[in-house]
C-alpha atoms as a PDB file:
ATOM      1  CA  GLN A   1     109.489  98.474  90.340  1.00  0.00           C
ATOM      2  CA  VAL A   2     109.762  94.742  91.080  1.00  0.00           C
ATOM      3  CA  GLN A   3     106.623  93.683  92.780  1.00  0.00           C
ATOM      4  CA  LEU A   4     104.550  90.705  93.740  1.00  0.00           C
ATOM      5  CA  VAL A   5     101.046  91.135  95.032  1.00  0.00           C
ATOM      6  CA  GLU A   6      99.162  88.327  96.774  1.00  0.00           C
ATOM      7  CA  SER A   7      95.371  88.223  97.194  1.00  0.00           C
ATOM      8  CA  GLY A   8      92.624  85.764  97.940  1.00  0.00           C
ATOM      9  CA  GLY A   9      93.195  85.048 101.641  1.00  0.00           C
ATOM     10  CA  GLY A  10      90.469  85.094 104.231  1.00  0.00           C
ATOM     11  CA  LEU A  11      88.563  83.200 106.891  1.00  0.00           C
ATOM     12  CA  VAL A  12      87.160  79.813 105.981  1.00  0.00           C
ATOM     13  CA  GLN A  13      85.794  76.801 107.809  1.00  0.00           C
ATOM     14  CA  ALA A  14      87.631  73.507 107.852  1.00  0.00           C
ATOM     15  CA  GLY A  15      86.896  71.652 104.691  1.00  0.00           C
ATOM     16  CA  GLY A  16      86.462  74.798 102.699  1.00  0.00           C
ATOM     17  CA  SER A  17      88.441  76.219  99.788  1.00  0.00           C
ATOM     18  CA  LEU A  18      90.353  79.322  98.886  1.00  0.00           C
ATOM     19  CA  ARG A  19      92.230  80.463  95.779  1.00  0.00           C
ATOM     20  CA  LEU A  20      95.261  82.656  96.257  1.00  0.00           C
ATOM     21  CA  SER A  21      96.769  84.777  93.476  1.00  0.00           C
ATOM     22  CA  CYS A  22     100.292  86.075  93.152  1.00  0.00           C
ATOM     23  CA  ALA A  23     100.451  88.843  90.480  1.00  0.00           C
ATOM     24  CA  ALA A  24     103.889  89.903  89.215  1.00  0.00           C
ATOM     25  CA  SER A  25     104.949  93.289  87.877  1.00  0.00           C
ATOM     26  CA  GLY A  26     106.994  91.612  85.183  1.00  0.00           C
ATOM     27  CA  ARG A  27     107.740  88.220  83.579  1.00  0.00           C
ATOM     28  CA  PHE A  28     108.904  85.275  85.558  1.00  0.00           C
ATOM     29  CA  LEU A  29     112.489  84.195  84.737  1.00  0.00           C
ATOM     30  CA  SER A  30     112.563  81.002  82.792  1.00  0.00           C
ATOM     31  CA  GLY A  31     114.003  78.032  84.665  1.00  0.00           C
ATOM     32  CA  TYR A  32     113.419  79.443  88.148  1.00  0.00           C
ATOM     33  CA  PRO A  33     110.501  78.413  90.317  1.00  0.00           C
ATOM     34  CA  VAL A  34     107.706  80.653  91.617  1.00  0.00           C
ATOM     35  CA  ASN A  35     107.195  79.661  95.252  1.00  0.00           C
ATOM     36  CA  TRP A  36     104.306  79.843  97.740  1.00  0.00           C
ATOM     37  CA  TYR A  37     105.457  79.914 101.386  1.00  0.00           C
ATOM     38  CA  ARG A  38     103.436  80.066 104.555  1.00  0.00           C
ATOM     39  CA  ARG A  39     104.236  81.123 108.077  1.00  0.00           C
ATOM     40  CA  ALA A  40     101.966  79.596 110.673  1.00  0.00           C
ATOM     41  CA  PRO A  41     101.654  81.398 114.065  1.00  0.00           C
ATOM     42  CA  GLY A  42     104.816  80.692 116.068  1.00  0.00           C
ATOM     43  CA  GLU A  43     106.359  78.678 113.315  1.00  0.00           C
ATOM     44  CA  GLN A  44     109.102  79.162 110.787  1.00  0.00           C
ATOM     45  CA  ARG A  45     108.291  79.911 107.170  1.00  0.00           C
ATOM     46  CA  GLU A  46     107.615  76.757 105.170  1.00  0.00           C
ATOM     47  CA  LEU A  47     107.712  76.180 101.423  1.00  0.00           C
ATOM     48  CA  VAL A  48     104.271  74.880 100.447  1.00  0.00           C
ATOM     49  CA  ALA A  49     104.334  74.645  96.651  1.00  0.00           C
ATOM     50  CA  SER A  50     106.521  75.611  93.640  1.00  0.00           C
ATOM     51  CA  ILE A  51     106.017  75.848  89.928  1.00  0.00           C
ATOM     52  CA  THR A  52     108.532  76.545  87.182  1.00  0.00           C
ATOM     53  CA  PRO A  53     107.572  78.350  83.931  1.00  0.00           C
ATOM     54  CA  GLY A  54     108.166  75.002  82.300  1.00  0.00           C
ATOM     55  CA  GLY A  55     105.506  73.402  84.466  1.00  0.00           C
ATOM     56  CA  THR A  56     107.403  71.407  87.023  1.00  0.00           C
ATOM     57  CA  LEU A  57     105.358  71.199  90.231  1.00  0.00           C
ATOM     58  CA  THR A  58     106.484  70.574  93.782  1.00  0.00           C
ATOM     59  CA  TYR A  59     104.380  70.269  97.006  1.00  0.00           C
ATOM     60  CA  VAL A  60     105.115  69.777 100.653  1.00  0.00           C
ATOM     61  CA  ASP A  61     103.741  66.418 101.753  1.00  0.00           C
ATOM     62  CA  SER A  62     101.116  68.009 104.043  1.00  0.00           C
ATOM     63  CA  VAL A  63      99.264  69.636 101.177  1.00  0.00           C
ATOM     64  CA  LYS A  64      99.580  66.961  98.436  1.00  0.00           C
ATOM     65  CA  GLY A  65      96.202  66.028  97.006  1.00  0.00           C
ATOM     66  CA  ARG A  66      94.556  69.194  98.438  1.00  0.00           C
ATOM     67  CA  PHE A  67      96.522  72.102  97.003  1.00  0.00           C
ATOM     68  CA  SER A  68      97.180  72.823  93.346  1.00  0.00           C
ATOM     69  CA  ILE A  69      99.596  75.456  91.979  1.00  0.00           C
ATOM     70  CA  SER A  70      99.248  76.855  88.459  1.00  0.00           C
ATOM     71  CA  MET A  71     100.634  79.654  86.376  1.00  0.00           C
ATOM     72  CA  ASP A  72      99.208  81.996  83.764  1.00  0.00           C
ATOM     73  CA  ASN A  73     102.295  83.231  81.870  1.00  0.00           C
ATOM     74  CA  ALA A  74     100.216  85.717  79.823  1.00  0.00           C
ATOM     75  CA  GLN A  75      99.020  87.401  83.062  1.00  0.00           C
ATOM     76  CA  ASN A  76     102.295  86.966  84.992  1.00  0.00           C
ATOM     77  CA  THR A  77     100.229  85.380  87.747  1.00  0.00           C
ATOM     78  CA  VAL A  78     100.524  82.260  89.829  1.00  0.00           C
ATOM     79  CA  TYR A  79      97.614  80.672  91.629  1.00  0.00           C
ATOM     80  CA  LEU A  80      97.326  78.375  94.671  1.00  0.00           C
ATOM     81  CA  GLU A  81      94.077  76.557  94.768  1.00  0.00           C
ATOM     82  CA  MET A  82      93.507  75.217  98.298  1.00  0.00           C
ATOM     83  CA  ASN A  83      90.856  72.610  98.959  1.00  0.00           C
ATOM     84  CA  SER A  84      89.849  70.542 102.021  1.00  0.00           C
ATOM     85  CA  LEU A  85      91.501  73.162 104.224  1.00  0.00           C
ATOM     86  CA  LYS A  86      92.508  72.276 107.750  1.00  0.00           C
ATOM     87  CA  PRO A  87      93.122  74.467 110.760  1.00  0.00           C
ATOM     88  CA  GLU A  88      96.818  73.668 110.436  1.00  0.00           C
ATOM     89  CA  ASP A  89      96.795  75.424 107.090  1.00  0.00           C
ATOM     90  CA  THR A  90      96.344  78.760 108.887  1.00  0.00           C
ATOM     91  CA  GLY A  91      99.093  81.253 108.309  1.00  0.00           C
ATOM     92  CA  ILE A  92     100.440  84.121 106.182  1.00  0.00           C
ATOM     93  CA  TYR A  93     100.929  82.935 102.579  1.00  0.00           C
ATOM     94  CA  SER A  94     103.619  84.749 100.580  1.00  0.00           C
ATOM     95  CA  CYS A  95     104.892  84.260  97.051  1.00  0.00           C
ATOM     96  CA  ASN A  96     108.523  84.557  95.884  1.00  0.00           C
ATOM     97  CA  ALA A  97     109.808  84.688  92.357  1.00  0.00           C
ATOM     98  CA  ARG A  98     112.711  85.872  90.208  1.00  0.00           C
ATOM     99  CA  LEU A  99     111.518  88.451  87.706  1.00  0.00           C
ATOM    100  CA  ILE A 100     112.981  89.784  84.503  1.00  0.00           C
ATOM    101  CA  ILE A 101     113.655  93.519  84.910  1.00  0.00           C
ATOM    102  CA  GLY A 102     115.702  94.217  81.771  1.00  0.00           C
ATOM    103  CA  PRO A 103     117.988  92.688  79.177  1.00  0.00           C
ATOM    104  CA  ASP A 104     120.050  89.984  81.053  1.00  0.00           C
ATOM    105  CA  MET A 105     118.733  91.467  84.336  1.00  0.00           C
ATOM    106  CA  PHE A 106     116.546  89.942  86.993  1.00  0.00           C
ATOM    107  CA  ALA A 107     115.646  90.476  90.618  1.00  0.00           C
ATOM    108  CA  ASP A 108     114.235  88.368  93.424  1.00  0.00           C
ATOM    109  CA  ALA A 109     110.799  89.598  94.649  1.00  0.00           C
ATOM    110  CA  TRP A 110     108.645  88.798  97.625  1.00  0.00           C
ATOM    111  CA  GLY A 111     104.940  89.700  98.131  1.00  0.00           C
ATOM    112  CA  GLN A 112     103.555  91.232 101.290  1.00  0.00           C
ATOM    113  CA  GLY A 113     101.602  88.100 102.095  1.00  0.00           C
ATOM    114  CA  THR A 114      97.897  87.265 102.442  1.00  0.00           C
ATOM    115  CA  ARG A 115      96.383  85.840 105.620  1.00  0.00           C
ATOM    116  CA  VAL A 116      94.569  82.503 105.595  1.00  0.00           C
ATOM    117  CA  THR A 117      92.601  81.485 108.692  1.00  0.00           C
ATOM    118  CA  VAL A 118      90.908  78.085 108.874  1.00  0.00           C
ATOM    119  CA  SER A 119      88.459  77.620 111.689  1.00  0.00           C
ATOM    120  CA  SER A 120      87.625  74.183 113.141  1.00  0.00           C
END
């Protein structure tokens, strides 16, 4: 079963930190990014950060310098370290990836999301 499971969300005061994890049921497909999205209340889903298995990193401008995405290929897990959190970082954070499910077979997967709430 293709699966992504996020964890690490919670309630934190502004200026605090959280570390989100996205654990995959299989290996990430080489050349395709693993993405962290967030959906703020009343807003559309926004791509926050991406990482490719080769190590290319991308961030939305609003989190540059505060968030850091990393990958542990041995554990099939991607992390999102979030520092200096702001109330506007509040939302449901979900990960998305393309996973290898067999010889020359892959599937796109989404996690169920983890809630992050930043109080002012």
